PDB file of N, CA and C in Angstrom:
ATOM      1  N   MET A   1      22.694 -35.055  16.062  1.00  0.00           N
ATOM      2  CA  MET A   1      21.592 -34.462  16.792  1.00  0.00           C
ATOM      3  C   MET A   1      20.392 -35.395  16.705  1.00  0.00           C
ATOM      4  N   ASN A   2      19.836 -35.733  17.831  1.00  0.00           N
ATOM      5  CA  ASN A   2      18.664 -36.607  17.880  1.00  0.00           C
ATOM      6  C   ASN A   2      17.396 -35.775  17.901  1.00  0.00           C
ATOM      7  N   PRO A   3      16.472 -36.080  16.993  1.00  0.00           N
ATOM      8  CA  PRO A   3      15.200 -35.341  17.066  1.00  0.00           C
ATOM      9  C   PRO A   3      14.458 -35.714  18.332  1.00  0.00           C
ATOM     10  N   ARG A   4      13.773 -34.751  18.851  1.00  0.00           N
ATOM     11  CA  ARG A   4      13.002 -34.975  20.080  1.00  0.00           C
ATOM     12  C   ARG A   4      11.751 -35.787  19.744  1.00  0.00           C
ATOM     13  N   VAL A   5      11.572 -36.869  20.435  1.00  0.00           N
ATOM     14  CA  VAL A   5      10.419 -37.731  20.201  1.00  0.00           C
ATOM     15  C   VAL A   5       9.375 -37.426  21.257  1.00  0.00           C
ATOM     16  N   THR A   6       8.157 -37.194  20.806  1.00  0.00           N
ATOM     17  CA  THR A   6       7.062 -36.955  21.740  1.00  0.00           C
ATOM     18  C   THR A   6       6.116 -38.130  21.689  1.00  0.00           C
ATOM     19  N   PRO A   7       5.477 -38.438  22.802  1.00  0.00           N
ATOM     20  CA  PRO A   7       4.551 -39.562  22.795  1.00  0.00           C
ATOM     21  C   PRO A   7       3.361 -39.278  21.882  1.00  0.00           C
ATOM     22  N   ALA A   8       2.869 -40.315  21.244  1.00  0.00           N
ATOM     23  CA  ALA A   8       1.701 -40.163  20.382  1.00  0.00           C
ATOM     24  C   ALA A   8       0.488 -39.811  21.226  1.00  0.00           C
ATOM     25  N   GLN A   9      -0.333 -38.960  20.704  1.00  0.00           N
ATOM     26  CA  GLN A   9      -1.571 -38.615  21.385  1.00  0.00           C
ATOM     27  C   GLN A   9      -2.725 -39.174  20.574  1.00  0.00           C
ATOM     28  N   HIS A  10      -3.707 -39.658  21.280  1.00  0.00           N
ATOM     29  CA  HIS A  10      -4.860 -40.255  20.632  1.00  0.00           C
ATOM     30  C   HIS A  10      -6.114 -39.532  21.083  1.00  0.00           C
ATOM     31  N   LEU A  11      -7.003 -39.335  20.152  1.00  0.00           N
ATOM     32  CA  LEU A  11      -8.303 -38.775  20.488  1.00  0.00           C
ATOM     33  C   LEU A  11      -9.320 -39.894  20.439  1.00  0.00           C
ATOM     34  N   LEU A  12     -10.110 -39.962  21.457  1.00  0.00           N
ATOM     35  CA  LEU A  12     -11.219 -40.904  21.496  1.00  0.00           C
ATOM     36  C   LEU A  12     -12.491 -40.096  21.337  1.00  0.00           C
ATOM     37  N   PHE A  13     -13.301 -40.457  20.378  1.00  0.00           N
ATOM     38  CA  PHE A  13     -14.561 -39.767  20.149  1.00  0.00           C
ATOM     39  C   PHE A  13     -15.694 -40.607  20.701  1.00  0.00           C
ATOM     40  N   ASP A  14     -16.646 -39.946  21.384  1.00  0.00           N
ATOM     41  CA  ASP A  14     -17.819 -40.711  21.794  1.00  0.00           C
ATOM     42  C   ASP A  14     -18.568 -41.094  20.507  1.00  0.00           C
ATOM     43  N   PRO A  15     -19.431 -42.090  20.567  1.00  0.00           N
ATOM     44  CA  PRO A  15     -20.059 -42.599  19.338  1.00  0.00           C
ATOM     45  C   PRO A  15     -20.802 -41.538  18.520  1.00  0.00           C
ATOM     46  N   ARG A  16     -21.526 -40.646  19.173  1.00  0.00           N
ATOM     47  CA  ARG A  16     -22.242 -39.595  18.427  1.00  0.00           C
ATOM     48  C   ARG A  16     -21.271 -38.653  17.747  1.00  0.00           C
ATOM     49  N   ALA A  17     -20.171 -38.311  18.410  1.00  0.00           N
ATOM     50  CA  ALA A  17     -19.167 -37.427  17.821  1.00  0.00           C
ATOM     51  C   ALA A  17     -18.521 -38.095  16.607  1.00  0.00           C
ATOM     52  N   ALA A  18     -18.177 -39.352  16.727  1.00  0.00           N
ATOM     53  CA  ALA A  18     -17.575 -40.078  15.604  1.00  0.00           C
ATOM     54  C   ALA A  18     -18.545 -40.148  14.427  1.00  0.00           C
ATOM     55  N   ASP A  19     -19.823 -40.375  14.707  1.00  0.00           N
ATOM     56  CA  ASP A  19     -20.829 -40.417  13.643  1.00  0.00           C
ATOM     57  C   ASP A  19     -20.959 -39.062  12.944  1.00  0.00           C
ATOM     58  N   LEU A  20     -20.932 -37.971  13.713  1.00  0.00           N
ATOM     59  CA  LEU A  20     -21.036 -36.642  13.124  1.00  0.00           C
ATOM     60  C   LEU A  20     -19.843 -36.357  12.220  1.00  0.00           C
ATOM     61  N   LEU A  21     -18.660 -36.696  12.673  1.00  0.00           N
ATOM     62  CA  LEU A  21     -17.457 -36.485  11.876  1.00  0.00           C
ATOM     63  C   LEU A  21     -17.546 -37.277  10.569  1.00  0.00           C
ATOM     64  N   ALA A  22     -17.962 -38.532  10.648  1.00  0.00           N
ATOM     65  CA  ALA A  22     -18.095 -39.366   9.456  1.00  0.00           C
ATOM     66  C   ALA A  22     -19.174 -38.823   8.518  1.00  0.00           C
ATOM     67  N   LEU A  23     -20.285 -38.359   9.071  1.00  0.00           N
ATOM     68  CA  LEU A  23     -21.373 -37.824   8.255  1.00  0.00           C
ATOM     69  C   LEU A  23     -20.916 -36.600   7.467  1.00  0.00           C
ATOM     70  N   LEU A  24     -20.250 -35.672   8.147  1.00  0.00           N
ATOM     71  CA  LEU A  24     -19.796 -34.459   7.465  1.00  0.00           C
ATOM     72  C   LEU A  24     -18.736 -34.774   6.414  1.00  0.00           C
ATOM     73  N   ARG A  25     -17.917 -35.778   6.682  1.00  0.00           N
ATOM     74  CA  ARG A  25     -16.935 -36.206   5.679  1.00  0.00           C
ATOM     75  C   ARG A  25     -17.645 -36.856   4.489  1.00  0.00           C
ATOM     76  N   ASP A  26     -18.599 -37.738   4.774  1.00  0.00           N
ATOM     77  CA  ASP A  26     -19.329 -38.415   3.698  1.00  0.00           C
ATOM     78  C   ASP A  26     -20.136 -37.441   2.845  1.00  0.00           C
ATOM     79  N   LEU A  27     -20.673 -36.394   3.457  1.00  0.00           N
ATOM     80  CA  LEU A  27     -21.413 -35.369   2.714  1.00  0.00           C
ATOM     81  C   LEU A  27     -20.476 -34.384   2.011  1.00  0.00           C
ATOM     82  N   GLN A  28     -19.184 -34.561   2.219  1.00  0.00           N
ATOM     83  CA  GLN A  28     -18.126 -33.739   1.625  1.00  0.00           C
ATOM     84  C   GLN A  28     -18.169 -32.285   2.084  1.00  0.00           C
ATOM     85  N   HIS A  29     -18.656 -32.082   3.318  1.00  0.00           N
ATOM     86  CA  HIS A  29     -18.590 -30.745   3.907  1.00  0.00           C
ATOM     87  C   HIS A  29     -17.215 -30.506   4.525  1.00  0.00           C
ATOM     88  N   ILE A  30     -16.536 -31.595   4.889  1.00  0.00           N
ATOM     89  CA  ILE A  30     -15.164 -31.493   5.388  1.00  0.00           C
ATOM     90  C   ILE A  30     -14.310 -32.500   4.625  1.00  0.00           C
ATOM     91  N   ASP A  31     -13.023 -32.202   4.576  1.00  0.00           N
ATOM     92  CA  ASP A  31     -12.079 -33.085   3.905  1.00  0.00           C
ATOM     93  C   ASP A  31     -10.941 -33.414   4.870  1.00  0.00           C
ATOM     94  N   ALA A  32      -9.922 -34.068   4.362  1.00  0.00           N
ATOM     95  CA  ALA A  32      -8.792 -34.459   5.212  1.00  0.00           C
ATOM     96  C   ALA A  32      -8.128 -33.245   5.847  1.00  0.00           C
ATOM     97  N   ARG A  33      -8.048 -32.140   5.104  1.00  0.00           N
ATOM     98  CA  ARG A  33      -7.438 -30.908   5.653  1.00  0.00           C
ATOM     99  C   ARG A  33      -8.233 -30.401   6.847  1.00  0.00           C
ATOM    100  N   ALA A  34      -9.550 -30.422   6.730  1.00  0.00           N
ATOM    101  CA  ALA A  34     -10.409 -29.972   7.826  1.00  0.00           C
ATOM    102  C   ALA A  34     -10.276 -30.897   9.029  1.00  0.00           C
ATOM    103  N   ILE A  35     -10.303 -32.186   8.777  1.00  0.00           N
ATOM    104  CA  ILE A  35     -10.172 -33.151   9.876  1.00  0.00           C
ATOM    105  C   ILE A  35      -8.840 -32.981  10.578  1.00  0.00           C
ATOM    106  N   ASP A  36      -7.759 -32.811   9.812  1.00  0.00           N
ATOM    107  CA  ASP A  36      -6.439 -32.588  10.421  1.00  0.00           C
ATOM    108  C   ASP A  36      -6.429 -31.335  11.287  1.00  0.00           C
ATOM    109  N   ALA A  37      -6.988 -30.254  10.784  1.00  0.00           N
ATOM    110  CA  ALA A  37      -6.996 -28.993  11.535  1.00  0.00           C
ATOM    111  C   ALA A  37      -7.815 -29.120  12.813  1.00  0.00           C
ATOM    112  N   ILE A  38      -8.978 -29.717  12.707  1.00  0.00           N
ATOM    113  CA  ILE A  38      -9.862 -29.850  13.867  1.00  0.00           C
ATOM    114  C   ILE A  38      -9.269 -30.796  14.903  1.00  0.00           C
ATOM    115  N   THR A  39      -8.756 -31.931  14.459  1.00  0.00           N
ATOM    116  CA  THR A  39      -8.195 -32.869  15.427  1.00  0.00           C
ATOM    117  C   THR A  39      -6.912 -32.338  16.055  1.00  0.00           C
ATOM    118  N   THR A  40      -6.125 -31.582  15.288  1.00  0.00           N
ATOM    119  CA  THR A  40      -4.923 -30.960  15.875  1.00  0.00           C
ATOM    120  C   THR A  40      -5.317 -29.990  16.979  1.00  0.00           C
ATOM    121  N   ASP A  41      -6.329 -29.178  16.737  1.00  0.00           N
ATOM    122  CA  ASP A  41      -6.812 -28.257  17.773  1.00  0.00           C
ATOM    123  C   ASP A  41      -7.334 -29.020  18.986  1.00  0.00           C
ATOM    124  N   LEU A  42      -8.037 -30.112  18.746  1.00  0.00           N
ATOM    125  CA  LEU A  42      -8.559 -30.903  19.859  1.00  0.00           C
ATOM    126  C   LEU A  42      -7.441 -31.538  20.675  1.00  0.00           C
ATOM    127  N   VAL A  43      -6.403 -32.021  20.007  1.00  0.00           N
ATOM    128  CA  VAL A  43      -5.265 -32.620  20.720  1.00  0.00           C
ATOM    129  C   VAL A  43      -4.613 -31.562  21.612  1.00  0.00           C
ATOM    130  N   ARG A  44      -4.466 -30.363  21.091  1.00  0.00           N
ATOM    131  CA  ARG A  44      -3.856 -29.284  21.896  1.00  0.00           C
ATOM    132  C   ARG A  44      -4.704 -28.930  23.111  1.00  0.00           C
ATOM    133  N   ALA A  45      -6.021 -29.052  22.971  1.00  0.00           N
ATOM    134  CA  ALA A  45      -6.926 -28.635  24.041  1.00  0.00           C
ATOM    135  C   ALA A  45      -7.245 -29.748  25.037  1.00  0.00           C
ATOM    136  N   GLN A  46      -7.037 -30.994  24.662  1.00  0.00           N
ATOM    137  CA  GLN A  46      -7.440 -32.122  25.505  1.00  0.00           C
ATOM    138  C   GLN A  46      -6.228 -32.731  26.203  1.00  0.00           C
ATOM    139  N   ARG A  47      -6.496 -33.352  27.324  1.00  0.00           N
ATOM    140  CA  ARG A  47      -5.429 -34.148  27.918  1.00  0.00           C
ATOM    141  C   ARG A  47      -5.300 -35.430  27.097  1.00  0.00           C
ATOM    142  N   MET A  48      -4.170 -36.060  27.198  1.00  0.00           N
ATOM    143  CA  MET A  48      -3.903 -37.247  26.399  1.00  0.00           C
ATOM    144  C   MET A  48      -4.977 -38.312  26.633  1.00  0.00           C
ATOM    145  N   ASP A  49      -5.437 -38.902  25.557  1.00  0.00           N
ATOM    146  CA  ASP A  49      -6.431 -39.977  25.577  1.00  0.00           C
ATOM    147  C   ASP A  49      -7.780 -39.570  26.167  1.00  0.00           C
ATOM    148  N   ALA A  50      -8.087 -38.278  26.152  1.00  0.00           N
ATOM    149  CA  ALA A  50      -9.391 -37.821  26.646  1.00  0.00           C
ATOM    150  C   ALA A  50     -10.443 -38.061  25.574  1.00  0.00           C
ATOM    151  N   GLU A  51     -11.636 -38.391  25.995  1.00  0.00           N
ATOM    152  CA  GLU A  51     -12.723 -38.589  25.043  1.00  0.00           C
ATOM    153  C   GLU A  51     -13.294 -37.240  24.626  1.00  0.00           C
ATOM    154  N   VAL A  52     -13.491 -37.066  23.332  1.00  0.00           N
ATOM    155  CA  VAL A  52     -14.092 -35.858  22.793  1.00  0.00           C
ATOM    156  C   VAL A  52     -15.584 -36.119  22.670  1.00  0.00           C
ATOM    157  N   GLY A  53     -16.365 -35.276  23.304  1.00  0.00           N
ATOM    158  CA  GLY A  53     -17.809 -35.434  23.283  1.00  0.00           C
ATOM    159  C   GLY A  53     -18.446 -34.827  22.055  1.00  0.00           C
ATOM    160  N   TYR A  54     -19.688 -35.207  21.834  1.00  0.00           N
ATOM    161  CA  TYR A  54     -20.462 -34.738  20.688  1.00  0.00           C
ATOM    162  C   TYR A  54     -20.556 -33.220  20.659  1.00  0.00           C
ATOM    163  N   GLU A  55     -20.913 -32.608  21.783  1.00  0.00           N
ATOM    164  CA  GLU A  55     -21.102 -31.150  21.805  1.00  0.00           C
ATOM    165  C   GLU A  55     -19.805 -30.411  21.508  1.00  0.00           C
ATOM    166  N   GLU A  56     -18.693 -30.872  22.047  1.00  0.00           N
ATOM    167  CA  GLU A  56     -17.398 -30.226  21.797  1.00  0.00           C
ATOM    168  C   GLU A  56     -17.034 -30.333  20.317  1.00  0.00           C
ATOM    169  N   LEU A  57     -17.172 -31.512  19.742  1.00  0.00           N
ATOM    170  CA  LEU A  57     -16.831 -31.685  18.331  1.00  0.00           C
ATOM    171  C   LEU A  57     -17.787 -30.897  17.443  1.00  0.00           C
ATOM    172  N   ARG A  58     -19.053 -30.924  17.771  1.00  0.00           N
ATOM    173  CA  ARG A  58     -20.052 -30.184  16.981  1.00  0.00           C
ATOM    174  C   ARG A  58     -19.719 -28.698  16.956  1.00  0.00           C
ATOM    175  N   ARG A  59     -19.351 -28.143  18.100  1.00  0.00           N
ATOM    176  CA  ARG A  59     -18.987 -26.725  18.176  1.00  0.00           C
ATOM    177  C   ARG A  59     -17.762 -26.429  17.320  1.00  0.00           C
ATOM    178  N   ARG A  60     -16.758 -27.267  17.423  1.00  0.00           N
ATOM    179  CA  ARG A  60     -15.522 -27.034  16.658  1.00  0.00           C
ATOM    180  C   ARG A  60     -15.744 -27.205  15.153  1.00  0.00           C
ATOM    181  N   LEU A  61     -16.556 -28.179  14.769  1.00  0.00           N
ATOM    182  CA  LEU A  61     -16.873 -28.360  13.355  1.00  0.00           C
ATOM    183  C   LEU A  61     -17.635 -27.152  12.814  1.00  0.00           C
ATOM    184  N   ALA A  62     -18.611 -26.678  13.578  1.00  0.00           N
ATOM    185  CA  ALA A  62     -19.388 -25.519  13.148  1.00  0.00           C
ATOM    186  C   ALA A  62     -18.483 -24.298  12.989  1.00  0.00           C
ATOM    187  N   GLU A  63     -17.576 -24.088  13.928  1.00  0.00           N
ATOM    188  CA  GLU A  63     -16.648 -22.959  13.837  1.00  0.00           C
ATOM    189  C   GLU A  63     -15.778 -23.070  12.591  1.00  0.00           C
ATOM    190  N   TRP A  64     -15.235 -24.270  12.359  1.00  0.00           N
ATOM    191  CA  TRP A  64     -14.355 -24.461  11.210  1.00  0.00           C
ATOM    192  C   TRP A  64     -15.119 -24.228   9.914  1.00  0.00           C
ATOM    193  N   LEU A  65     -16.309 -24.784   9.792  1.00  0.00           N
ATOM    194  CA  LEU A  65     -17.104 -24.617   8.579  1.00  0.00           C
ATOM    195  C   LEU A  65     -17.462 -23.152   8.343  1.00  0.00           C
ATOM    196  N   PHE A  66     -17.839 -22.459   9.407  1.00  0.00           N
ATOM    197  CA  PHE A  66     -18.188 -21.047   9.291  1.00  0.00           C
ATOM    198  C   PHE A  66     -16.980 -20.230   8.828  1.00  0.00           C
ATOM    199  N   GLU A  67     -15.811 -20.520   9.405  1.00  0.00           N
ATOM    200  CA  GLU A  67     -14.598 -19.784   9.056  1.00  0.00           C
ATOM    201  C   GLU A  67     -14.136 -20.061   7.629  1.00  0.00           C
ATOM    202  N   HIS A  68     -14.455 -21.233   7.092  1.00  0.00           N
ATOM    203  CA  HIS A  68     -13.962 -21.632   5.768  1.00  0.00           C
ATOM    204  C   HIS A  68     -15.040 -21.633   4.689  1.00  0.00           C
ATOM    205  N   GLU A  69     -16.186 -21.081   4.988  1.00  0.00           N
ATOM    206  CA  GLU A  69     -17.277 -21.067   4.009  1.00  0.00           C
ATOM    207  C   GLU A  69     -16.867 -20.364   2.715  1.00  0.00           C
ATOM    208  N   ASN A  70     -16.109 -19.298   2.823  1.00  0.00           N
ATOM    209  CA  ASN A  70     -15.689 -18.552   1.629  1.00  0.00           C
ATOM    210  C   ASN A  70     -14.729 -19.341   0.741  1.00  0.00           C
ATOM    211  N   ASP A  71     -14.097 -20.391   1.287  1.00  0.00           N
ATOM    212  CA  ASP A  71     -13.183 -21.224   0.513  1.00  0.00           C
ATOM    213  C   ASP A  71     -13.914 -22.322  -0.257  1.00  0.00           C
ATOM    214  N   MET A  72     -15.200 -22.506   0.022  1.00  0.00           N
ATOM    215  CA  MET A  72     -15.975 -23.581  -0.600  1.00  0.00           C
ATOM    216  C   MET A  72     -16.456 -23.183  -1.985  1.00  0.00           C
ATOM    217  N   ARG A  73     -16.696 -24.185  -2.796  1.00  0.00           N
ATOM    218  CA  ARG A  73     -17.366 -23.946  -4.074  1.00  0.00           C
ATOM    219  C   ARG A  73     -18.762 -23.411  -3.771  1.00  0.00           C
ATOM    220  N   PRO A  74     -19.302 -22.542  -4.603  1.00  0.00           N
ATOM    221  CA  PRO A  74     -20.626 -21.951  -4.314  1.00  0.00           C
ATOM    222  C   PRO A  74     -21.717 -22.997  -4.072  1.00  0.00           C
ATOM    223  N   GLU A  75     -21.745 -24.050  -4.872  1.00  0.00           N
ATOM    224  CA  GLU A  75     -22.781 -25.072  -4.682  1.00  0.00           C
ATOM    225  C   GLU A  75     -22.589 -25.845  -3.377  1.00  0.00           C
ATOM    226  N   GLN A  76     -21.351 -26.018  -2.972  1.00  0.00           N
ATOM    227  CA  GLN A  76     -21.066 -26.685  -1.700  1.00  0.00           C
ATOM    228  C   GLN A  76     -21.512 -25.815  -0.534  1.00  0.00           C
ATOM    229  N   ALA A  77     -21.228 -24.526  -0.594  1.00  0.00           N
ATOM    230  CA  ALA A  77     -21.649 -23.600   0.467  1.00  0.00           C
ATOM    231  C   ALA A  77     -23.165 -23.511   0.540  1.00  0.00           C
ATOM    232  N   ASP A  78     -23.841 -23.496  -0.614  1.00  0.00           N
ATOM    233  CA  ASP A  78     -25.310 -23.459  -0.632  1.00  0.00           C
ATOM    234  C   ASP A  78     -25.894 -24.707   0.017  1.00  0.00           C
ATOM    235  N   LEU A  79     -25.345 -25.865  -0.314  1.00  0.00           N
ATOM    236  CA  LEU A  79     -25.827 -27.115   0.276  1.00  0.00           C
ATOM    237  C   LEU A  79     -25.609 -27.116   1.786  1.00  0.00           C
ATOM    238  N   LEU A  80     -24.466 -26.646   2.225  1.00  0.00           N
ATOM    239  CA  LEU A  80     -24.194 -26.589   3.661  1.00  0.00           C
ATOM    240  C   LEU A  80     -25.189 -25.668   4.361  1.00  0.00           C
ATOM    241  N   ARG A  81     -25.478 -24.516   3.773  1.00  0.00           N
ATOM    242  CA  ARG A  81     -26.455 -23.603   4.369  1.00  0.00           C
ATOM    243  C   ARG A  81     -27.829 -24.267   4.487  1.00  0.00           C
ATOM    244  N   GLN A  82     -28.203 -25.023   3.470  1.00  0.00           N
ATOM    245  CA  GLN A  82     -29.494 -25.720   3.492  1.00  0.00           C
ATOM    246  C   GLN A  82     -29.542 -26.791   4.578  1.00  0.00           C
ATOM    247  N   GLU A  83     -28.430 -27.461   4.806  1.00  0.00           N
ATOM    248  CA  GLU A  83     -28.381 -28.564   5.781  1.00  0.00           C
ATOM    249  C   GLU A  83     -27.963 -28.128   7.172  1.00  0.00           C
ATOM    250  N   TRP A  84     -27.577 -26.878   7.343  1.00  0.00           N
ATOM    251  CA  TRP A  84     -27.014 -26.399   8.615  1.00  0.00           C
ATOM    252  C   TRP A  84     -27.933 -26.702   9.805  1.00  0.00           C
ATOM    253  N   GLY A  85     -29.205 -26.396   9.671  1.00  0.00           N
ATOM    254  CA  GLY A  85     -30.147 -26.617  10.780  1.00  0.00           C
ATOM    255  C   GLY A  85     -30.225 -28.060  11.207  1.00  0.00           C
ATOM    256  N   ARG A  86     -30.251 -28.953  10.249  1.00  0.00           N
ATOM    257  CA  ARG A  86     -30.315 -30.388  10.594  1.00  0.00           C
ATOM    258  C   ARG A  86     -29.007 -30.885  11.204  1.00  0.00           C
ATOM    259  N   LEU A  87     -27.893 -30.309  10.785  1.00  0.00           N
ATOM    260  CA  LEU A  87     -26.594 -30.763  11.273  1.00  0.00           C
ATOM    261  C   LEU A  87     -26.216 -30.176  12.637  1.00  0.00           C
ATOM    262  N   PHE A  88     -26.600 -28.924  12.878  1.00  0.00           N
ATOM    263  CA  PHE A  88     -26.058 -28.239  14.052  1.00  0.00           C
ATOM    264  C   PHE A  88     -27.109 -27.741  15.049  1.00  0.00           C
ATOM    265  N   ASN A  89     -28.364 -28.041  14.865  1.00  0.00           N
ATOM    266  CA  ASN A  89     -29.382 -27.656  15.865  1.00  0.00           C
ATOM    267  C   ASN A  89     -29.795 -28.849  16.688  1.00  0.00           C
TER     268      ASN A  89
END
């Protein structure tokens, strides 16, 4: 039995979106698990090789962070709440 091979899909981020993703990773608000979940959702929603814009990524990151706030360490959640306005407004 041959496994079904699907073509690789690539996400292209506009420069502001890529910077936001890197910033949230560097601040440790997101980790590899978060990036995998968010990019998997984006791949499902985008056509192949479509560029992901800043606003789309910002919305998805905010949703993911809001949904997973209870999984964060208390000090991490407090820091995120303090920085939320600067990151998402």
